[in-house]
Amino acid sequence: MPADPVTQVVLDFDGTCTQIPAIYERYLELFLKGFNEAGFNVSAEEWLEAQEIVRAHSPEEGWMVAGSPAAPVAADPYIMANEAAQLILRQRRDTRPLPNINASAYAAAAAPWRDDALDTFSAIVTHGARIIIVSNSSSAFISGRLSLLLETRTDLQDKITVQSDAGKFRICELSWPDSGTISAQDAARFTALPVAYQGLLKRPLYLRRGAYFEAIRRALADDLSALSGTLFCGDIFEMDLAMPFALGARVHLLDRAEPFSTYDYERCALAACGSRGRNSTELHGLLEWFK
């Protein structure tokens, strides 16, 4: 294990800090409702059949929301709903764009915080580390959820920050350096990354996620030297943890529960991380890094 103590913990939000089993059925119902309200006329049977097909092809097929496979197509209900809807459109040869159905369904079926979230956050802060939530979800949504969680713990409010719109699903190079916000040294660190891991699945596991890299830089106040003391925690290995590990950070995989269980290839990838990788079924497993 690296000698540097953990001074900051970067957390994913959905599925990492929240309980997906509590809401996934309601979310999928609301997604179908929104799909039909948008004029696509999908039956409950057709919707369930599409989900089953998506599950049968996961994890070998990847979530194509940004044009390249970014995560297993059935890693969580949000990804699966998008892929099931896209599958239905392909089967029908319907070329209409899929509207943003997720946003309203996601907000209406908000997943509760993990039961141990507040105690875990408090313990991490007590150990002298700060917490940064880096997520694809919006800052306004997460900050609102966080304020409710911390309403009786005002002492924690300035110890936990949110970095939204991370774009972890975008397999892309860095933005053009028009503004000069990324140093040549940091850009070189990104371009030194392998394009992908090969061999765990028939598809590559892409590492070079430029938008996520830029979000990490912002979260670390543009100081990538802090990576050696940073622990990343997420529930989807290739989207949350693969690139941070390759950049030199420690990583912690939160096991996903049924019916979106962690895949064997993710456990293999974590095992290859050696002493810089651990996993647990509960969020408080993070505290093992401070012993």
Protein backbone atom coordinates (compact mmCIF):
# COMPACT_ATOMS: atom_id res chain seq x y z
CA MET A 1 0.00 0.00 0.00
CA PRO A 2 1.34 3.50 -0.74
CA ALA A 3 2.90 5.24 2.23
CA ASP A 4 0.86 8.41 1.76
CA PRO A 5 -2.13 8.59 4.12
CA VAL A 6 -5.56 9.01 2.61
CA THR A 7 -6.30 12.73 2.77
CA GLN A 8 -9.33 12.82 0.49
CA VAL A 9 -12.01 10.40 -0.59
CA VAL A 10 -13.66 10.83 -3.98
CA LEU A 11 -17.08 9.19 -4.02
CA ASP A 12 -19.40 8.35 -6.86
CA PHE A 13 -23.04 9.09 -5.96
CA ASP A 14 -25.61 6.80 -7.60
CA GLY A 15 -25.29 3.26 -6.27
CA THR A 16 -22.25 4.17 -4.21
CA CYS A 17 -23.88 6.51 -1.72
CA THR A 18 -27.43 5.40 -2.46
CA GLN A 19 -29.57 2.25 -2.28
CA ILE A 20 -30.60 1.20 -5.79
CA PRO A 21 -32.63 -1.90 -4.72
CA ALA A 22 -35.08 0.36 -2.91
CA ILE A 23 -36.18 2.26 -6.02
CA TYR A 24 -35.27 0.44 -9.21
CA GLU A 25 -38.72 -1.03 -9.87
CA ARG A 26 -40.40 2.35 -9.40
CA TYR A 27 -37.78 4.05 -11.56
CA LEU A 28 -38.31 1.61 -14.42
CA GLU A 29 -42.09 2.07 -14.18
CA LEU A 30 -41.69 5.84 -14.35
CA PHE A 31 -39.28 5.56 -17.27
CA LEU A 32 -41.83 3.51 -19.21
CA LYS A 33 -44.53 6.06 -18.34
CA GLY A 34 -42.34 8.87 -19.68
CA PHE A 35 -41.49 6.83 -22.77
CA ASN A 36 -45.18 6.47 -23.56
CA GLU A 37 -45.98 10.09 -22.74
CA ALA A 38 -43.37 11.00 -25.35
CA GLY A 39 -45.49 9.14 -27.92
CA PHE A 40 -43.68 5.81 -28.30
CA ASN A 41 -46.56 3.51 -27.23
CA VAL A 42 -44.55 0.73 -25.55
CA SER A 43 -46.43 -2.04 -23.76
CA ALA A 44 -45.39 -3.37 -20.36
CA GLU A 45 -44.58 -6.72 -22.01
CA GLU A 46 -42.38 -5.10 -24.66
CA TRP A 47 -40.61 -3.09 -21.97
CA LEU A 48 -39.88 -6.17 -19.84
CA GLU A 49 -38.71 -8.15 -22.88
CA ALA A 50 -36.28 -5.40 -23.84
CA GLN A 51 -34.86 -5.35 -20.30
CA GLU A 52 -34.35 -9.12 -20.40
CA ILE A 53 -32.47 -8.86 -23.70
CA VAL A 54 -30.25 -6.12 -22.28
CA ARG A 55 -29.50 -8.21 -19.18
CA ALA A 56 -28.64 -11.22 -21.34
CA HIS A 57 -26.03 -9.18 -23.23
CA SER A 58 -24.45 -7.58 -20.17
CA PRO A 59 -21.58 -7.09 -19.41
CA GLU A 60 -20.19 -8.04 -22.82
CA GLU A 61 -22.09 -5.18 -24.42
CA GLY A 62 -21.43 -1.68 -23.23
CA TRP A 63 -23.53 1.42 -22.56
CA MET A 64 -23.36 3.48 -25.75
CA VAL A 65 -24.85 6.75 -24.53
CA ALA A 66 -21.89 8.77 -25.83
CA GLY A 67 -20.99 6.55 -28.78
CA SER A 68 -18.47 4.18 -27.18
CA PRO A 69 -19.04 1.37 -24.66
CA ALA A 70 -18.63 3.04 -21.27
CA ALA A 71 -20.03 0.51 -18.75
CA PRO A 72 -22.05 -2.73 -18.71
CA VAL A 73 -25.48 -2.27 -20.27
CA ALA A 74 -27.18 -3.62 -17.14
CA ALA A 75 -24.92 -2.21 -14.43
CA ASP A 76 -27.78 -0.22 -12.92
CA PRO A 77 -31.41 0.65 -13.75
CA TYR A 78 -30.51 4.03 -15.23
CA ILE A 79 -28.16 2.54 -17.79
CA MET A 80 -30.42 -0.44 -18.45
CA ALA A 81 -33.48 1.76 -19.07
CA ASN A 82 -31.60 3.82 -21.63
CA GLU A 83 -30.29 0.74 -23.41
CA ALA A 84 -33.69 -1.00 -23.34
CA ALA A 85 -35.35 2.07 -24.83
CA GLN A 86 -32.69 2.34 -27.53
CA LEU A 87 -33.11 -1.36 -28.29
CA ILE A 88 -36.85 -0.92 -28.80
CA LEU A 89 -36.22 1.97 -31.19
CA ARG A 90 -33.73 -0.11 -33.17
CA GLN A 91 -36.10 -3.07 -33.35
CA ARG A 92 -38.83 -0.80 -34.68
CA ARG A 93 -36.45 1.06 -37.00
CA ASP A 94 -37.69 4.20 -35.31
CA THR A 95 -35.13 6.95 -35.95
CA ARG A 96 -36.66 9.52 -33.61
CA PRO A 97 -34.23 10.67 -30.89
CA LEU A 98 -34.91 9.37 -27.40
CA PRO A 99 -36.06 12.30 -25.24
CA ASN A 100 -34.56 12.90 -21.80
CA ILE A 101 -36.93 10.62 -19.94
CA ASN A 102 -34.39 9.79 -17.26
CA ALA A 103 -34.39 13.18 -15.53
CA SER A 104 -37.99 13.15 -14.32
CA ALA A 105 -38.00 9.43 -13.46
CA TYR A 106 -34.69 9.81 -11.60
CA ALA A 107 -35.98 12.74 -9.53
CA ALA A 108 -39.33 11.10 -8.78
CA ALA A 109 -37.74 7.82 -7.67
CA ALA A 110 -34.84 9.24 -5.71
CA ALA A 111 -32.75 6.46 -4.18
CA PRO A 112 -32.31 6.81 -0.41
CA TRP A 113 -28.89 7.30 1.09
CA ARG A 114 -27.17 4.15 2.28
CA ASP A 115 -28.00 3.54 5.92
CA ASP A 116 -24.38 3.95 6.96
CA ALA A 117 -23.63 7.01 4.81
CA LEU A 118 -23.76 9.69 7.52
CA ASP A 119 -21.75 7.67 10.05
CA THR A 120 -19.18 6.78 7.39
CA PHE A 121 -18.81 10.40 6.27
CA SER A 122 -18.40 11.49 9.87
CA ALA A 123 -15.71 8.87 10.54
CA ILE A 124 -13.78 9.81 7.37
CA VAL A 125 -13.76 13.46 8.38
CA THR A 126 -12.70 12.53 11.92
CA HIS A 127 -9.67 10.83 10.36
CA GLY A 128 -8.73 14.17 8.80
CA ALA A 129 -9.78 13.46 5.22
CA ARG A 130 -12.14 15.51 3.11
CA ILE A 131 -14.87 14.07 0.91
CA ILE A 132 -15.64 15.00 -2.69
CA ILE A 133 -18.64 13.56 -4.50
CA VAL A 134 -17.82 13.36 -8.22
CA SER A 135 -20.82 12.27 -10.25
CA ASN A 136 -22.52 12.42 -13.62
CA SER A 137 -25.60 13.76 -11.82
CA SER A 138 -26.16 17.48 -11.31
CA SER A 139 -24.63 19.47 -8.46
CA ALA A 140 -27.99 21.00 -7.59
CA PHE A 141 -29.63 17.60 -7.13
CA ILE A 142 -26.79 16.07 -5.10
CA SER A 143 -26.26 19.21 -3.02
CA GLY A 144 -29.96 19.23 -2.16
CA ARG A 145 -29.81 15.59 -1.08
CA LEU A 146 -26.64 16.27 0.88
CA SER A 147 -28.10 19.24 2.75
CA LEU A 148 -30.94 17.04 3.99
CA LEU A 149 -28.54 14.32 5.10
CA LEU A 150 -26.36 16.82 6.96
CA GLU A 151 -29.10 19.00 8.45
CA THR A 152 -28.20 17.84 11.96
CA ARG A 153 -24.44 17.74 11.23
CA THR A 154 -23.49 21.25 10.25
CA ASP A 155 -19.92 20.44 11.30
CA LEU A 156 -19.60 18.25 8.21
CA GLN A 157 -21.03 20.65 5.66
CA ASP A 158 -17.75 22.35 4.72
CA LYS A 159 -15.92 18.99 4.66
CA ILE A 160 -17.97 17.51 1.81
CA THR A 161 -18.07 19.08 -1.64
CA VAL A 162 -19.77 18.14 -4.91
CA GLN A 163 -18.29 18.07 -8.42
CA SER A 164 -21.06 17.32 -10.90
CA ASP A 165 -21.34 16.70 -14.63
CA ALA A 166 -18.28 14.48 -14.58
CA GLY A 167 -19.06 12.85 -17.92
CA LYS A 168 -17.52 9.55 -16.83
CA PHE A 169 -19.32 7.82 -19.71
CA ARG A 170 -17.57 9.94 -22.35
CA ILE A 171 -14.69 8.07 -23.98
CA CYS A 172 -12.81 11.05 -25.36
CA GLU A 173 -9.55 12.94 -25.39
CA LEU A 174 -8.98 16.15 -23.48
CA SER A 175 -10.71 19.32 -24.58
CA TRP A 176 -8.64 21.53 -26.84
CA PRO A 177 -6.40 23.69 -24.66
CA ASP A 178 -7.87 27.03 -25.83
CA SER A 179 -8.19 28.37 -22.30
CA GLY A 180 -4.85 27.03 -21.11
CA THR A 181 -6.49 25.52 -18.04
CA ILE A 182 -4.64 22.19 -18.28
CA SER A 183 -0.89 22.26 -17.87
CA ALA A 184 1.36 20.45 -20.33
CA GLN A 185 2.42 18.17 -17.48
CA ASP A 186 -1.15 17.15 -16.67
CA ALA A 187 -2.02 16.70 -20.34
CA ALA A 188 1.01 14.45 -20.71
CA ARG A 189 -0.15 12.41 -17.73
CA PHE A 190 -3.46 11.81 -19.46
CA THR A 191 -2.00 10.96 -22.86
CA ALA A 192 0.38 8.50 -21.21
CA LEU A 193 -2.62 6.40 -20.17
CA PRO A 194 -3.27 3.26 -22.22
CA VAL A 195 -6.30 3.65 -24.43
CA ALA A 196 -7.97 0.61 -22.87
CA TYR A 197 -7.60 -2.61 -20.93
CA GLN A 198 -8.02 -5.70 -23.09
CA GLY A 199 -8.77 -9.30 -22.23
CA LEU A 200 -11.38 -9.10 -19.46
CA LEU A 201 -14.29 -8.93 -21.92
CA LYS A 202 -14.63 -9.18 -25.68
CA ARG A 203 -14.92 -5.39 -25.74
CA PRO A 204 -12.19 -3.06 -24.48
CA LEU A 205 -12.47 -1.32 -21.13
CA TYR A 206 -11.66 2.24 -22.10
CA LEU A 207 -9.45 4.29 -19.80
CA ARG A 208 -9.06 7.62 -21.55
CA ARG A 209 -12.12 9.52 -20.38
CA GLY A 210 -11.16 13.13 -20.91
CA ALA A 211 -14.21 14.71 -19.29
CA TYR A 212 -13.76 12.60 -16.14
CA PHE A 213 -10.06 13.48 -16.05
CA GLU A 214 -10.91 17.17 -16.17
CA ALA A 215 -13.53 16.68 -13.43
CA ILE A 216 -10.92 14.96 -11.25
CA ARG A 217 -8.54 17.87 -11.77
CA ARG A 218 -11.22 20.33 -10.69
CA ALA A 219 -12.06 18.19 -7.65
CA LEU A 220 -8.39 18.11 -6.63
CA ALA A 221 -7.97 21.87 -7.16
CA ASP A 222 -5.84 21.24 -10.28
CA ASP A 223 -3.24 19.38 -8.20
CA LEU A 224 -2.78 15.87 -9.57
CA SER A 225 0.07 15.24 -7.14
CA ALA A 226 -2.74 14.75 -4.61
CA LEU A 227 -3.74 11.50 -6.36
CA SER A 228 -1.26 9.50 -4.28
CA GLY A 229 -3.26 10.42 -1.17
CA THR A 230 -6.68 10.07 -2.77
CA LEU A 231 -9.06 7.13 -2.48
CA PHE A 232 -11.72 6.72 -5.18
CA CYS A 233 -14.87 4.79 -4.35
CA GLY A 234 -17.48 3.67 -6.86
CA ASP A 235 -19.77 0.79 -7.77
CA ILE A 236 -18.95 0.39 -11.50
CA PHE A 237 -15.29 -0.48 -11.90
CA GLU A 238 -14.61 0.65 -15.45
CA MET A 239 -16.54 3.91 -15.19
CA ASP A 240 -15.60 5.01 -11.66
CA LEU A 241 -12.28 3.40 -10.82
CA ALA A 242 -10.25 2.16 -13.80
CA MET A 243 -8.81 5.51 -14.85
CA PRO A 244 -8.15 6.79 -11.30
CA PHE A 245 -6.24 3.57 -10.55
CA ALA A 246 -4.19 3.94 -13.73
CA LEU A 247 -3.38 7.50 -12.66
CA GLY A 248 -1.96 6.27 -9.35
CA ALA A 249 -4.85 6.51 -6.89
CA ARG A 250 -6.22 3.87 -4.54
CA VAL A 251 -9.64 2.46 -5.40
CA HIS A 252 -12.52 0.87 -3.50
CA LEU A 253 -15.32 -1.03 -5.23
CA LEU A 254 -18.76 -1.03 -3.58
CA ASP A 255 -20.41 -4.35 -4.42
CA ARG A 256 -23.69 -3.90 -6.26
CA ALA A 257 -26.72 -5.78 -4.95
CA GLU A 258 -29.22 -7.90 -6.86
CA PRO A 259 -30.59 -7.56 -9.45
CA PHE A 260 -27.59 -5.50 -10.63
CA SER A 261 -24.84 -7.52 -9.00
CA THR A 262 -21.16 -6.83 -9.51
CA TYR A 263 -19.74 -8.85 -12.42
CA ASP A 264 -16.89 -11.33 -12.19
CA TYR A 265 -14.73 -9.31 -14.59
CA GLU A 266 -14.95 -6.34 -12.21
CA ARG A 267 -13.69 -8.50 -9.35
CA CYS A 268 -10.84 -9.70 -11.57
CA ALA A 269 -9.94 -6.13 -12.46
CA LEU A 270 -9.98 -5.16 -8.79
CA ALA A 271 -7.81 -8.13 -7.84
CA ALA A 272 -5.23 -6.90 -10.37
CA CYS A 273 -5.02 -3.63 -8.41
CA GLY A 274 -3.19 -5.44 -5.63
CA SER A 275 -2.78 -3.46 -2.41
CA ARG A 276 -4.25 -0.36 -4.05
CA GLY A 277 -7.68 -1.94 -4.45
CA ARG A 278 -10.31 -3.20 -2.02
CA ASN A 279 -14.03 -3.83 -1.97
CA SER A 280 -16.91 -4.08 0.47
CA THR A 281 -20.66 -4.52 0.48
CA GLU A 282 -21.24 -1.51 2.75
CA LEU A 283 -19.94 2.03 2.60
CA HIS A 284 -18.31 1.79 6.01
CA GLY A 285 -15.82 -0.65 4.45
CA LEU A 286 -13.95 2.50 3.40
CA LEU A 287 -12.82 2.92 6.99
CA GLU A 288 -10.43 -0.03 6.60
CA TRP A 289 -8.17 2.31 4.62
CA PHE A 290 -7.63 4.44 7.74
CA LYS A 291 -6.41 1.61 9.99
